[in-house]
């Protein structure tokens, strides 16, 4: 009888695992496929195509990726800063909270009470 080596047994296990994987078609596979699909693919647009805003964005990404990455990260950080400020104001003012205002009348009332 031929003795199974470590490599052949591993290959056999991987082949069986792939074979079993194809049989089950678990809901996790559909989720994995959906999550692996790119949200925006700049390579799907032709160069110098300015017909839509997606095409202009794709050209910007392809022409200067470092600048695009900088703008994207900056926009994300500014957005998160605004959200965190509003959450802090919501916690601080409670029922008197009015979104996206300075609440100067409430601030004055807080300082007068101290």
C-alpha atoms as a PDB file:
ATOM      1  CA  UNK A   1       0.000   0.000   0.000  1.00  0.00           C
ATOM      2  CA  UNK A   2       1.204   3.414  -0.849  1.00  0.00           C
ATOM      3  CA  UNK A   3       1.847   5.671   2.068  1.00  0.00           C
ATOM      4  CA  UNK A   4       0.185   9.083   1.887  1.00  0.00           C
ATOM      5  CA  UNK A   5       2.578  11.922   2.217  1.00  0.00           C
ATOM      6  CA  UNK A   6       1.734  15.110   4.024  1.00  0.00           C
ATOM      7  CA  UNK A   7       1.494  17.046   0.750  1.00  0.00           C
ATOM      8  CA  UNK A   8      -0.815  14.567  -0.971  1.00  0.00           C
ATOM      9  CA  UNK A   9      -3.100  14.271   2.053  1.00  0.00           C
ATOM     10  CA  UNK A  10      -3.331  18.061   2.243  1.00  0.00           C
ATOM     11  CA  UNK A  11      -4.132  18.252  -1.475  1.00  0.00           C
ATOM     12  CA  UNK A  12      -6.794  15.562  -1.025  1.00  0.00           C
ATOM     13  CA  UNK A  13      -8.335  17.436   1.919  1.00  0.00           C
ATOM     14  CA  UNK A  14      -8.427  20.687  -0.045  1.00  0.00           C
ATOM     15  CA  UNK A  15     -10.026  18.982  -3.037  1.00  0.00           C
ATOM     16  CA  UNK A  16     -12.663  17.393  -0.829  1.00  0.00           C
ATOM     17  CA  UNK A  17     -13.268  20.680   0.954  1.00  0.00           C
ATOM     18  CA  UNK A  18     -13.779  22.471  -2.376  1.00  0.00           C
ATOM     19  CA  UNK A  19     -16.046  19.683  -3.561  1.00  0.00           C
ATOM     20  CA  UNK A  20     -18.169  19.838  -0.403  1.00  0.00           C
ATOM     21  CA  UNK A  21     -18.231  23.619  -0.647  1.00  0.00           C
ATOM     22  CA  UNK A  22     -19.807  23.450  -4.110  1.00  0.00           C
ATOM     23  CA  UNK A  23     -22.545  21.102  -2.910  1.00  0.00           C
ATOM     24  CA  UNK A  24     -23.825  23.180  -0.006  1.00  0.00           C
ATOM     25  CA  UNK A  25     -24.058  26.691  -1.577  1.00  0.00           C
ATOM     26  CA  UNK A  26     -24.491  28.288   1.840  1.00  0.00           C
ATOM     27  CA  UNK A  27     -26.015  31.772   2.241  1.00  0.00           C
ATOM     28  CA  UNK A  28     -22.597  32.917   3.436  1.00  0.00           C
ATOM     29  CA  UNK A  29     -21.247  32.271  -0.059  1.00  0.00           C
ATOM     30  CA  UNK A  30     -23.759  34.672  -1.566  1.00  0.00           C
ATOM     31  CA  UNK A  31     -22.852  37.280   1.035  1.00  0.00           C
ATOM     32  CA  UNK A  32     -19.142  36.770   0.370  1.00  0.00           C
ATOM     33  CA  UNK A  33     -19.690  37.164  -3.371  1.00  0.00           C
ATOM     34  CA  UNK A  34     -21.697  40.348  -2.832  1.00  0.00           C
ATOM     35  CA  UNK A  35     -19.075  41.796  -0.470  1.00  0.00           C
ATOM     36  CA  UNK A  36     -16.247  40.930  -2.868  1.00  0.00           C
ATOM     37  CA  UNK A  37     -17.897  42.805  -5.723  1.00  0.00           C
ATOM     38  CA  UNK A  38     -16.292  46.270  -6.177  1.00  0.00           C
ATOM     39  CA  UNK A  39     -18.494  49.258  -5.390  1.00  0.00           C
ATOM     40  CA  UNK A  40     -16.786  51.481  -7.956  1.00  0.00           C
ATOM     41  CA  UNK A  41     -14.462  50.202 -10.681  1.00  0.00           C
ATOM     42  CA  UNK A  42     -12.569  53.028 -12.388  1.00  0.00           C
ATOM     43  CA  UNK A  43     -11.157  50.617 -14.966  1.00  0.00           C
ATOM     44  CA  UNK A  44     -14.685  50.055 -16.328  1.00  0.00           C
ATOM     45  CA  UNK A  45     -14.625  53.565 -17.843  1.00  0.00           C
ATOM     46  CA  UNK A  46     -12.639  54.670 -20.869  1.00  0.00           C
ATOM     47  CA  UNK A  47      -9.902  57.283 -20.609  1.00  0.00           C
ATOM     48  CA  UNK A  48     -10.949  60.898 -21.292  1.00  0.00           C
ATOM     49  CA  UNK A  49     -14.645  60.017 -21.007  1.00  0.00           C
ATOM     50  CA  UNK A  50     -16.383  62.991 -19.365  1.00  0.00           C
ATOM     51  CA  UNK A  51     -19.966  62.022 -20.139  1.00  0.00           C
ATOM     52  CA  UNK A  52     -21.039  61.342 -16.526  1.00  0.00           C
ATOM     53  CA  UNK A  53     -19.806  62.251 -13.072  1.00  0.00           C
ATOM     54  CA  UNK A  54     -18.740  58.619 -12.537  1.00  0.00           C
ATOM     55  CA  UNK A  55     -16.555  58.776 -15.641  1.00  0.00           C
ATOM     56  CA  UNK A  56     -14.970  62.037 -14.470  1.00  0.00           C
ATOM     57  CA  UNK A  57     -14.333  60.489 -11.046  1.00  0.00           C
ATOM     58  CA  UNK A  58     -12.819  57.403 -12.701  1.00  0.00           C
ATOM     59  CA  UNK A  59     -10.488  59.617 -14.751  1.00  0.00           C
ATOM     60  CA  UNK A  60      -9.477  61.481 -11.589  1.00  0.00           C
ATOM     61  CA  UNK A  61      -8.748  58.205  -9.791  1.00  0.00           C
ATOM     62  CA  UNK A  62      -6.704  56.844 -12.700  1.00  0.00           C
ATOM     63  CA  UNK A  63      -4.767  60.043 -13.331  1.00  0.00           C
ATOM     64  CA  UNK A  64      -3.787  60.943  -9.752  1.00  0.00           C
ATOM     65  CA  UNK A  65      -4.587  58.210  -7.269  1.00  0.00           C
ATOM     66  CA  UNK A  66      -2.575  59.728  -4.413  1.00  0.00           C
ATOM     67  CA  UNK A  67      -4.512  62.995  -4.581  1.00  0.00           C
ATOM     68  CA  UNK A  68      -7.809  61.090  -4.786  1.00  0.00           C
ATOM     69  CA  UNK A  69      -6.860  59.043  -1.731  1.00  0.00           C
ATOM     70  CA  UNK A  70      -5.971  62.245   0.153  1.00  0.00           C
ATOM     71  CA  UNK A  71      -9.288  63.901  -0.763  1.00  0.00           C
ATOM     72  CA  UNK A  72     -11.267  60.764   0.114  1.00  0.00           C
ATOM     73  CA  UNK A  73      -9.593  60.390   3.514  1.00  0.00           C
ATOM     74  CA  UNK A  74     -10.008  64.105   4.261  1.00  0.00           C
ATOM     75  CA  UNK A  75     -13.688  64.029   3.321  1.00  0.00           C
ATOM     76  CA  UNK A  76     -14.264  60.982   5.491  1.00  0.00           C
ATOM     77  CA  UNK A  77     -12.514  62.562   8.489  1.00  0.00           C
ATOM     78  CA  UNK A  78     -14.464  65.831   8.125  1.00  0.00           C
ATOM     79  CA  UNK A  79     -17.728  63.888   7.902  1.00  0.00           C
ATOM     80  CA  UNK A  80     -16.878  61.880  11.022  1.00  0.00           C
ATOM     81  CA  UNK A  81     -15.874  65.076  12.864  1.00  0.00           C
ATOM     82  CA  UNK A  82     -19.254  66.654  12.105  1.00  0.00           C
ATOM     83  CA  UNK A  83     -21.105  63.512  13.192  1.00  0.00           C
ATOM     84  CA  UNK A  84     -19.134  63.298  16.448  1.00  0.00           C
ATOM     85  CA  UNK A  85     -19.746  66.999  17.209  1.00  0.00           C
ATOM     86  CA  UNK A  86     -23.464  66.557  16.709  1.00  0.00           C
ATOM     87  CA  UNK A  87     -23.520  63.438  18.880  1.00  0.00           C
ATOM     88  CA  UNK A  88     -21.653  65.328  21.597  1.00  0.00           C
ATOM     89  CA  UNK A  89     -24.112  68.226  21.369  1.00  0.00           C
ATOM     90  CA  UNK A  90     -27.006  65.762  21.522  1.00  0.00           C
ATOM     91  CA  UNK A  91     -25.561  64.280  24.713  1.00  0.00           C
ATOM     92  CA  UNK A  92     -24.742  67.680  26.214  1.00  0.00           C
ATOM     93  CA  UNK A  93     -28.022  69.483  25.559  1.00  0.00           C
ATOM     94  CA  UNK A  94     -30.456  66.573  25.795  1.00  0.00           C
ATOM     95  CA  UNK A  95     -34.030  67.716  25.108  1.00  0.00           C
ATOM     96  CA  UNK A  96     -32.845  71.223  24.130  1.00  0.00           C
ATOM     97  CA  UNK A  97     -30.740  69.863  21.263  1.00  0.00           C
ATOM     98  CA  UNK A  98     -31.338  71.465  17.870  1.00  0.00           C
ATOM     99  CA  UNK A  99     -29.343  69.838  15.040  1.00  0.00           C
ATOM    100  CA  UNK A 100     -26.589  71.834  13.302  1.00  0.00           C
ATOM    101  CA  UNK A 101     -26.947  74.990  15.401  1.00  0.00           C
ATOM    102  CA  UNK A 102     -24.592  76.563  17.896  1.00  0.00           C
ATOM    103  CA  UNK A 103     -27.212  76.595  20.697  1.00  0.00           C
ATOM    104  CA  UNK A 104     -25.756  79.861  21.974  1.00  0.00           C
ATOM    105  CA  UNK A 105     -28.818  80.579  24.130  1.00  0.00           C
ATOM    106  CA  UNK A 106     -28.382  77.220  25.860  1.00  0.00           C
ATOM    107  CA  UNK A 107     -24.645  77.769  26.292  1.00  0.00           C
ATOM    108  CA  UNK A 108     -25.290  81.179  27.874  1.00  0.00           C
ATOM    109  CA  UNK A 109     -27.839  79.621  30.225  1.00  0.00           C
ATOM    110  CA  UNK A 110     -25.346  76.923  31.225  1.00  0.00           C
ATOM    111  CA  UNK A 111     -22.627  79.486  32.003  1.00  0.00           C
ATOM    112  CA  UNK A 112     -25.015  81.637  34.029  1.00  0.00           C
ATOM    113  CA  UNK A 113     -26.059  78.676  36.166  1.00  0.00           C
ATOM    114  CA  UNK A 114     -22.447  77.894  37.150  1.00  0.00           C
END
